[in-house]
Amino acid sequence: MQPVMWHIGFIDQVKRLEARLEKSEDERTKLEIKLTEARASKWKEAQKLKAAEVARVDEVVAQVVSKSLAMFSFSASSSSASTTDAGTLRLNRIKSSKLYLHVVPSKVPIIYSSYYDIGFLGIEKLHPFDSSKWGRICRFLISEGYLDKKSIVEPLEATTDDLLVVHTEAYLNSLKSSVNVAMIAEVPPIALLPNWLVQMKVLSPFRRQVGGTILAAKLAKERGWAINVGGGFHHCCSDRGGGFCAYADISLSIHFAFVRLNISRVMIIDLDAHQGNGHEMDFADDGRVYIMDMFNPEIYPFDMTARNYIKQKVEVVTGTTTDEYLKELDKALKVAKGNFAPELIVYNAGTDILDGDPLGGLKVSPEGVVQRDEKVFRFARERNIPLVMVTSGGYMKTSARVIANSIINLSKKGLVELAVPRGRG
């Protein structure tokens, strides 16, 4: 009995276990299906996210490509029109400039401002150039009764837009470094000064003199002659300064004259002892400008590239005397007369040709400088050509006295008119 009952009980247990196993298999299968479905759902979501991310990246790439193409297109069109745009911009700057002041008839075309003179803690004395000579010239003329202080024309300071007519923006930006200005002015301690102070005490006086040289061309056209008691920064060109020359006033004055005075032919007579490499680079291969440069080739700046652009080169070596110098000048002016017919002459009248000048190396007497200036003014007067004179270099204290004497001589010879005739004003 018991064996049979045990067997039946065992079979029942086995059946119950099999039933539970079947149920477990069903549940497992259901769980696996759910898991598979969940995995499939997650995969689909992942794919959607991936697709969205890919689309977003594609959109960003498309935007970048579009911008790049636009920039390339703009660059290409800008490049093709750059020359025209630069010319138009220069023209607009010249036309909108305020430097061409209206000057009343009671003024004489002697241009000077007390802002010309450079003086700050004696630093200016570290350079051989007499940075107060401009004021001293006028004081000599006024104190001796040849010039009325009220008759002097005071120019405006050239603005950045005025300077950009010739200068590159990069060069003007370089002057925001006191170190760069120190190298141009050849006064090392300037490098230690804050630039705002350098701008105010060094560069602002130079910019005022630039305004004077530009205005001088207008007055010369109206009156026949004009003298800027400063200016003549002939070592500076559009993108480089040097030799105490921070701005290219001669080049600027000529470009203004081309537009505002409707002038197309200009002669530069550069009689400073040093080569005028600045304006030579600015007007390289420009047929509108004839450059006669009479200089000592044995001194600064040794610019061989610029020498290629001198139309008439006259070399006077170290030790050249007054008589030798004046004979060379007479021959040079005769040649210039036959070569070119200018509508305006810019005369760079440096006095560093004086005997004893520490930098010029020549041996011309003070009277020789007076005769030199008279020859150039007479050259212009006899041909009825307006003349602008700038005083340029001169590294002795006597330079101011010599320049004043020369202007007095020009007045006595009837080549300039310093006294204001009655009835004018």
Protein backbone atom coordinates (compact mmCIF):
# COMPACT_ATOMS: atom_id res chain seq x y z
CA MET A 1 0.00 0.00 0.00
CA GLN A 2 2.59 2.49 1.08
CA PRO A 3 4.85 2.03 -1.95
CA VAL A 4 1.92 2.59 -4.27
CA MET A 5 0.73 5.68 -2.38
CA TRP A 6 4.27 7.10 -2.33
CA HIS A 7 4.51 6.67 -6.10
CA ILE A 8 1.17 8.39 -6.66
CA GLY A 9 2.18 11.24 -4.42
CA PHE A 10 5.48 11.57 -6.19
CA ILE A 11 3.77 11.72 -9.58
CA ASP A 12 1.46 14.45 -8.34
CA GLN A 13 4.41 16.46 -7.10
CA VAL A 14 6.16 16.04 -10.42
CA LYS A 15 3.07 17.24 -12.29
CA ARG A 16 2.73 20.28 -10.05
CA LEU A 17 6.39 21.10 -10.58
CA GLU A 18 6.01 20.71 -14.34
CA ALA A 19 2.96 23.00 -14.27
CA ARG A 20 4.93 25.60 -12.32
CA LEU A 21 7.82 25.23 -14.73
CA GLU A 22 5.51 25.75 -17.69
CA LYS A 23 4.13 28.85 -16.00
CA SER A 24 7.65 30.06 -15.32
CA GLU A 25 8.61 29.49 -18.95
CA ASP A 26 5.61 31.57 -20.03
CA GLU A 27 6.56 34.33 -17.63
CA ARG A 28 10.19 34.16 -18.76
CA THR A 29 9.12 34.34 -22.34
CA LYS A 30 6.94 37.33 -21.56
CA LEU A 31 9.79 38.98 -19.71
CA GLU A 32 12.16 38.34 -22.61
CA ILE A 33 9.61 39.77 -25.03
CA LYS A 34 9.19 42.86 -22.84
CA LEU A 35 12.95 43.22 -22.56
CA THR A 36 13.34 42.84 -26.30
CA GLU A 37 10.61 45.42 -26.89
CA ALA A 38 12.24 47.78 -24.40
CA ARG A 39 15.60 47.35 -26.08
CA ALA A 40 14.01 47.98 -29.45
CA SER A 41 12.30 51.10 -28.13
CA LYS A 42 15.52 52.41 -26.63
CA TRP A 43 17.38 51.69 -29.87
CA LYS A 44 14.75 53.59 -31.84
CA GLU A 45 15.03 56.52 -29.43
CA ALA A 46 18.78 56.40 -29.72
CA GLN A 47 18.53 56.35 -33.48
CA LYS A 48 16.18 59.31 -33.37
CA LEU A 49 18.59 61.20 -31.11
CA LYS A 50 21.49 60.28 -33.36
CA ALA A 51 19.56 61.39 -36.45
CA ALA A 52 18.67 64.67 -34.74
CA GLU A 53 22.31 65.21 -33.74
CA VAL A 54 23.49 64.44 -37.26
CA ALA A 55 20.93 66.86 -38.64
CA ARG A 56 22.03 69.55 -36.19
CA VAL A 57 25.68 69.06 -37.14
CA ASP A 58 24.76 69.14 -40.82
CA GLU A 59 22.91 72.40 -40.23
CA VAL A 60 25.91 73.95 -38.45
CA VAL A 61 28.25 72.80 -41.20
CA ALA A 62 25.93 74.24 -43.82
CA GLN A 63 25.89 77.57 -41.98
CA VAL A 64 29.69 77.65 -41.72
CA VAL A 65 30.08 76.79 -45.38
CA SER A 66 27.53 79.43 -46.32
CA LYS A 67 29.34 82.08 -44.26
CA SER A 68 32.68 81.05 -45.67
CA LEU A 69 31.42 81.30 -49.20
CA ALA A 70 29.92 84.70 -48.45
CA MET A 71 33.20 85.91 -46.92
CA PHE A 72 35.16 84.55 -49.86
CA SER A 73 32.80 86.25 -52.26
CA PHE A 74 33.09 89.54 -50.32
CA SER A 75 36.87 89.24 -50.20
CA ALA A 76 37.06 88.59 -53.91
CA SER A 77 34.80 91.52 -54.75
CA SER A 78 36.66 93.75 -52.26
CA SER A 79 39.98 92.82 -53.79
CA SER A 80 38.81 93.63 -57.28
CA ALA A 81 37.43 97.00 -56.17
CA SER A 82 40.14 97.89 -53.62
CA THR A 83 41.99 100.31 -55.87
CA THR A 84 38.83 102.19 -56.78
CA ASP A 85 37.62 102.24 -53.18
CA ALA A 86 40.98 103.53 -51.91
CA GLY A 87 40.99 106.30 -54.49
CA THR A 88 37.43 107.30 -53.66
CA LEU A 89 38.15 107.26 -49.94
CA ARG A 90 41.23 109.45 -50.39
CA LEU A 91 39.22 111.88 -52.52
CA ASN A 92 36.46 112.09 -49.92
CA ARG A 93 38.93 112.64 -47.10
CA ILE A 94 40.62 115.49 -48.96
CA LYS A 95 37.33 117.14 -49.89
CA SER A 96 35.94 116.92 -46.35
CA SER A 97 39.12 118.15 -44.63
CA LYS A 98 38.98 121.40 -42.67
CA LEU A 99 42.68 122.20 -43.13
CA TYR A 100 42.08 124.54 -46.09
CA LEU A 101 41.09 127.47 -43.89
CA HIS A 102 39.77 130.73 -45.29
CA VAL A 103 42.51 133.28 -44.60
CA VAL A 104 41.53 136.94 -44.54
CA PRO A 105 43.57 139.39 -46.67
CA SER A 106 44.96 141.10 -43.57
CA LYS A 107 47.09 138.03 -42.93
CA VAL A 108 50.38 137.38 -44.71
CA PRO A 109 51.22 133.84 -45.89
CA ILE A 110 53.60 133.13 -43.03
CA ILE A 111 52.26 130.08 -41.22
CA TYR A 112 53.13 129.33 -37.61
CA SER A 113 51.59 128.25 -34.32
CA SER A 114 53.03 128.28 -30.85
CA TYR A 115 51.97 124.62 -30.78
CA TYR A 116 54.79 123.88 -33.24
CA ASP A 117 57.47 124.09 -30.59
CA ILE A 118 58.44 120.92 -28.74
CA GLY A 119 59.50 121.15 -25.12
CA PHE A 120 59.08 118.71 -22.25
CA LEU A 121 61.39 118.34 -19.25
CA GLY A 122 64.39 119.03 -21.46
CA ILE A 123 64.04 115.71 -23.30
CA GLU A 124 63.96 117.57 -26.64
CA LYS A 125 67.56 118.67 -25.97
CA LEU A 126 68.74 115.09 -26.35
CA HIS A 127 68.40 115.46 -30.13
CA PRO A 128 70.63 117.94 -32.02
CA PHE A 129 67.60 119.43 -33.78
CA ASP A 130 66.56 122.79 -32.34
CA SER A 131 62.91 122.04 -31.62
CA SER A 132 62.21 125.63 -30.57
CA LYS A 133 63.64 127.22 -33.74
CA TRP A 134 60.21 127.75 -35.28
CA GLY A 135 59.09 130.15 -32.57
CA ARG A 136 62.46 131.86 -32.50
CA ILE A 137 62.26 132.61 -36.26
CA CYS A 138 58.96 134.43 -35.79
CA ARG A 139 60.18 136.28 -32.71
CA PHE A 140 63.16 137.59 -34.68
CA LEU A 141 60.88 138.84 -37.46
CA ILE A 142 58.38 140.40 -35.04
CA SER A 143 60.93 142.03 -32.73
CA GLU A 144 62.73 143.62 -35.67
CA GLY A 145 59.54 145.03 -37.13
CA TYR A 146 59.30 142.92 -40.27
CA LEU A 147 56.24 140.96 -39.22
CA ASP A 148 53.11 141.78 -37.22
CA LYS A 149 52.21 138.97 -34.83
CA LYS A 150 48.53 139.39 -35.71
CA SER A 151 49.27 138.86 -39.40
CA ILE A 152 50.64 135.33 -38.91
CA VAL A 153 48.39 132.51 -40.13
CA GLU A 154 47.76 129.79 -37.55
CA PRO A 155 46.92 126.36 -39.02
CA LEU A 156 44.78 123.55 -37.67
CA GLU A 157 46.22 120.25 -36.52
CA ALA A 158 45.92 117.44 -39.07
CA THR A 159 43.39 114.80 -38.04
CA THR A 160 43.67 111.05 -38.49
CA ASP A 161 41.48 111.27 -41.60
CA ASP A 162 43.79 113.94 -43.02
CA LEU A 163 46.86 111.78 -42.37
CA LEU A 164 45.22 108.72 -43.93
CA VAL A 165 45.25 110.52 -47.28
CA VAL A 166 48.87 109.32 -47.52
CA HIS A 167 49.66 107.21 -44.47
CA THR A 168 48.61 103.62 -43.91
CA GLU A 169 46.44 102.83 -40.92
CA ALA A 170 49.05 100.34 -39.73
CA TYR A 171 51.73 103.04 -39.66
CA LEU A 172 49.55 105.48 -37.74
CA ASN A 173 48.71 102.72 -35.26
CA SER A 174 52.42 102.04 -34.79
CA LEU A 175 52.78 105.58 -33.43
CA LYS A 176 50.66 104.51 -30.46
CA SER A 177 53.82 102.81 -29.22
CA SER A 178 56.20 105.20 -27.44
CA VAL A 179 59.07 102.90 -28.40
CA ASN A 180 58.35 103.41 -32.11
CA VAL A 181 58.08 107.18 -31.69
CA ALA A 182 61.39 107.19 -29.79
CA MET A 183 63.09 105.47 -32.73
CA ILE A 184 61.61 107.91 -35.25
CA ALA A 185 62.47 110.98 -33.17
CA GLU A 186 65.87 109.49 -32.31
CA VAL A 187 65.38 110.35 -28.63
CA PRO A 188 65.54 107.07 -26.62
CA PRO A 189 63.98 108.38 -23.34
CA ILE A 190 60.69 108.98 -25.19
CA ALA A 191 60.24 105.20 -25.09
CA LEU A 192 59.79 105.40 -21.30
CA LEU A 193 56.93 107.93 -21.46
CA PRO A 194 53.23 106.99 -21.54
CA ASN A 195 51.95 107.29 -25.08
CA TRP A 196 49.27 109.86 -24.25
CA LEU A 197 52.06 112.17 -23.16
CA VAL A 198 54.08 111.43 -26.30
CA GLN A 199 51.03 112.19 -28.43
CA MET A 200 50.51 115.52 -26.68
CA LYS A 201 54.12 116.72 -26.40
CA VAL A 202 55.74 115.26 -29.53
CA LEU A 203 53.28 114.08 -32.17
CA SER A 204 50.66 116.80 -31.78
CA PRO A 205 53.21 119.54 -32.62
CA PHE A 206 54.22 117.54 -35.69
CA ARG A 207 50.58 117.18 -36.77
CA ARG A 208 50.07 120.91 -36.38
CA GLN A 209 53.04 121.52 -38.70
CA VAL A 210 51.54 119.08 -41.19
CA GLY A 211 48.40 121.22 -41.18
CA GLY A 212 50.64 124.21 -41.88
CA THR A 213 52.32 122.65 -44.91
CA ILE A 214 48.98 121.58 -46.37
CA LEU A 215 47.50 125.05 -45.89
CA ALA A 216 50.66 126.64 -47.36
CA ALA A 217 49.87 125.20 -50.81
CA LYS A 218 46.45 126.87 -50.79
CA LEU A 219 47.94 130.22 -49.74
CA ALA A 220 50.72 129.93 -52.32
CA LYS A 221 48.14 129.44 -55.06
CA GLU A 222 46.21 132.49 -53.83
CA ARG A 223 49.15 134.80 -53.00
CA GLY A 224 52.01 133.45 -55.13
CA TRP A 225 54.06 132.21 -52.17
CA ALA A 226 53.73 130.86 -48.64
CA ILE A 227 56.21 129.93 -45.93
CA ASN A 228 55.41 127.32 -43.30
CA VAL A 229 57.90 128.16 -40.56
CA GLY A 230 57.86 124.45 -39.67
CA GLY A 231 57.41 121.24 -41.65
CA GLY A 232 59.68 119.63 -44.20
CA PHE A 233 59.59 116.10 -42.74
CA HIS A 234 61.12 114.64 -45.87
CA HIS A 235 62.33 111.31 -44.40
CA CYS A 236 58.79 110.08 -43.71
CA CYS A 237 56.73 108.21 -46.31
CA SER A 238 53.34 106.53 -46.23
CA ASP A 239 54.34 103.55 -44.09
CA ARG A 240 57.61 104.51 -42.42
CA GLY A 241 59.06 107.37 -40.37
CA GLY A 242 62.59 108.25 -39.35
CA GLY A 243 65.15 110.99 -38.95
CA PHE A 244 62.93 113.12 -36.67
CA CYS A 245 60.14 112.90 -39.27
CA ALA A 246 56.89 111.29 -38.11
CA TYR A 247 54.48 112.47 -40.82
CA ALA A 248 54.87 113.01 -44.58
CA ASP A 249 53.75 116.64 -44.74
CA ILE A 250 55.20 117.31 -48.20
CA SER A 251 53.43 114.32 -49.76
CA LEU A 252 50.18 115.23 -48.00
CA SER A 253 50.34 118.84 -49.16
CA ILE A 254 50.81 117.75 -52.77
CA HIS A 255 47.93 115.26 -52.71
CA PHE A 256 45.65 117.95 -51.27
CA ALA A 257 46.79 120.34 -54.01
CA PHE A 258 46.01 117.79 -56.71
CA VAL A 259 42.38 117.69 -55.59
CA ARG A 260 41.55 121.02 -53.96
CA LEU A 261 43.65 123.28 -56.19
CA ASN A 262 43.17 121.35 -59.44
CA ILE A 263 46.94 121.11 -59.87
CA SER A 264 48.49 118.26 -61.86
CA ARG A 265 52.23 119.07 -61.98
CA VAL A 266 54.37 119.72 -58.90
CA MET A 267 58.11 120.21 -58.54
CA ILE A 268 59.87 119.41 -55.27
CA ILE A 269 63.15 121.28 -54.83
CA ASP A 270 64.79 119.59 -51.85
CA LEU A 271 67.90 121.46 -50.71
CA ASP A 272 68.21 119.97 -47.25
CA ALA A 273 71.64 118.39 -46.78
CA HIS A 274 70.00 114.97 -46.42
CA GLN A 275 68.31 112.99 -49.16
CA GLY A 276 64.52 113.35 -49.13
CA ASN A 277 63.81 109.64 -49.26
CA GLY A 278 60.27 109.96 -47.84
CA HIS A 279 58.61 111.93 -50.62
CA GLU A 280 60.75 110.05 -53.16
CA MET A 281 59.15 106.77 -52.09
CA ASP A 282 55.66 108.30 -52.00
CA PHE A 283 55.91 109.60 -55.57
CA ALA A 284 57.92 106.76 -57.09
CA ASP A 285 57.18 106.64 -60.81
CA ASP A 286 54.52 109.37 -60.46
CA GLY A 287 54.89 111.54 -63.54
CA ARG A 288 52.97 114.40 -61.94
CA VAL A 289 55.82 115.08 -59.49
CA TYR A 290 59.33 116.14 -60.49
CA ILE A 291 61.91 115.81 -57.71
CA MET A 292 65.17 117.73 -57.75
CA ASP A 293 67.17 116.62 -54.73
CA MET A 294 70.53 118.23 -53.97
CA PHE A 295 72.07 116.34 -51.05
CA ASN A 296 75.19 114.94 -49.45
CA PRO A 297 75.32 111.23 -50.42
CA GLU A 298 77.80 110.47 -47.61
CA ILE A 299 75.30 110.99 -44.77
CA TYR A 300 71.95 109.57 -43.59
CA PRO A 301 69.67 108.06 -44.90
CA PHE A 302 71.65 106.07 -47.53
CA ASP A 303 68.35 105.03 -49.16
CA MET A 304 69.44 103.60 -52.50
CA THR A 305 65.95 102.45 -53.43
CA ALA A 306 64.53 105.97 -53.02
CA ARG A 307 67.39 107.42 -55.07
CA ASN A 308 66.06 105.55 -58.08
CA TYR A 309 62.97 107.78 -57.99
CA ILE A 310 64.80 111.12 -57.99
CA LYS A 311 64.16 112.79 -61.33
CA GLN A 312 67.15 115.10 -60.96
CA LYS A 313 69.85 114.01 -58.52
CA VAL A 314 72.55 116.51 -57.52
CA GLU A 315 75.18 115.16 -55.14
CA VAL A 316 77.27 117.60 -53.08
CA VAL A 317 79.89 115.79 -51.02
CA THR A 318 81.15 116.51 -47.55
CA GLY A 319 83.18 119.71 -47.41
CA THR A 320 81.43 121.44 -50.33
CA THR A 321 81.95 125.21 -49.94
CA THR A 322 79.54 128.10 -50.48
CA ASP A 323 80.76 128.99 -53.97
CA GLU A 324 80.79 125.37 -55.12
CA TYR A 325 77.33 124.81 -53.72
CA LEU A 326 75.77 127.86 -55.35
CA LYS A 327 77.34 127.03 -58.73
CA GLU A 328 75.86 123.53 -58.56
CA LEU A 329 72.49 125.00 -57.64
CA ASP A 330 72.52 127.40 -60.60
CA LYS A 331 73.24 124.52 -62.98
CA ALA A 332 70.57 122.34 -61.37
CA LEU A 333 67.85 125.01 -61.61
CA LYS A 334 68.69 125.55 -65.26
CA VAL A 335 68.27 121.82 -65.95
CA ALA A 336 65.03 121.68 -63.97
CA LYS A 337 63.65 124.60 -65.98
CA GLY A 338 64.16 122.68 -69.21
CA ASN A 339 62.86 119.37 -67.89
CA PHE A 340 59.57 120.25 -66.24
CA ALA A 341 56.89 122.96 -66.17
CA PRO A 342 55.28 122.82 -62.71
CA GLU A 343 52.11 124.50 -61.49
CA LEU A 344 53.41 124.47 -57.91
CA ILE A 345 56.87 124.28 -56.32
CA VAL A 346 57.45 122.81 -52.87
CA TYR A 347 60.81 124.03 -51.59
CA ASN A 348 62.39 122.07 -48.74
CA ALA A 349 64.80 124.67 -47.36
CA GLY A 350 66.84 122.81 -44.76
CA THR A 351 69.61 124.83 -43.10
CA ASP A 352 71.74 121.81 -42.22
CA ILE A 353 73.96 122.81 -45.17
CA LEU A 354 75.48 125.43 -42.87
CA ASP A 355 79.16 125.23 -42.10
CA GLY A 356 79.49 123.68 -38.66
CA ASP A 357 76.22 121.74 -38.71
CA PRO A 358 76.92 118.47 -36.86
CA LEU A 359 74.99 116.32 -39.32
CA GLY A 360 75.07 118.00 -42.74
CA GLY A 361 78.81 117.88 -43.47
CA LEU A 362 78.75 120.85 -45.86
CA LYS A 363 80.49 124.21 -45.52
CA VAL A 364 77.96 126.77 -46.70
CA SER A 365 78.02 130.18 -45.00
CA PRO A 366 74.92 131.90 -43.54
CA GLU A 367 75.04 134.36 -46.45
CA GLY A 368 75.21 131.38 -48.79
CA VAL A 369 71.92 130.07 -47.36
CA VAL A 370 70.34 133.50 -47.87
CA GLN A 371 71.51 133.52 -51.51
CA ARG A 372 70.30 129.95 -52.02
CA ASP A 373 66.77 130.82 -50.88
CA GLU A 374 66.73 133.93 -53.05
CA LYS A 375 67.73 131.90 -56.12
CA VAL A 376 64.87 129.44 -55.58
CA PHE A 377 62.26 132.18 -54.97
CA ARG A 378 63.48 134.08 -58.02
CA PHE A 379 63.29 130.87 -60.09
CA ALA A 380 59.61 130.56 -59.14
CA ARG A 381 58.75 134.27 -59.43
CA GLU A 382 60.23 134.65 -62.92
CA ARG A 383 58.01 131.80 -64.12
CA ASN A 384 54.97 132.89 -62.12
CA ILE A 385 54.88 129.57 -60.27
CA PRO A 386 53.37 129.48 -56.74
CA LEU A 387 55.97 128.42 -54.19
CA VAL A 388 55.67 126.73 -50.79
CA MET A 389 58.69 126.90 -48.50
CA VAL A 390 59.20 124.62 -45.47
CA THR A 391 62.17 124.93 -43.13
CA SER A 392 63.08 121.25 -42.62
CA GLY A 393 66.42 120.30 -40.99
CA GLY A 394 69.01 122.45 -39.27
CA TYR A 395 70.92 121.35 -36.20
CA MET A 396 72.52 124.50 -34.86
CA LYS A 397 71.06 127.23 -32.68
CA THR A 398 72.05 129.74 -35.36
CA SER A 399 69.62 128.21 -37.85
CA ALA A 400 66.67 130.29 -36.62
CA ARG A 401 68.63 133.51 -37.06
CA VAL A 402 69.76 132.52 -40.56
CA ILE A 403 66.19 131.64 -41.64
CA ALA A 404 64.87 134.93 -40.29
CA ASN A 405 67.61 136.81 -42.15
CA SER A 406 66.73 134.95 -45.34
CA ILE A 407 63.04 135.88 -45.07
CA ILE A 408 64.02 139.51 -44.44
CA ASN A 409 66.21 139.41 -47.55
CA LEU A 410 63.34 137.97 -49.61
CA SER A 411 61.17 140.84 -48.42
CA LYS A 412 63.78 143.45 -49.27
CA LYS A 413 64.21 141.97 -52.75
CA GLY A 414 60.44 142.10 -53.34
CA LEU A 415 60.11 138.32 -53.56
CA VAL A 416 57.75 138.13 -50.55
CA GLU A 417 55.50 140.74 -48.99
CA LEU A 418 55.59 140.84 -45.18
CA ALA A 419 54.05 144.28 -44.56
CA VAL A 420 50.30 144.60 -44.96
CA PRO A 421 49.46 147.38 -47.48
CA ARG A 422 46.96 150.00 -46.39
CA GLY A 423 43.37 149.37 -47.34
CA ARG A 424 43.66 145.60 -46.97
CA GLY A 425 41.90 143.73 -44.18
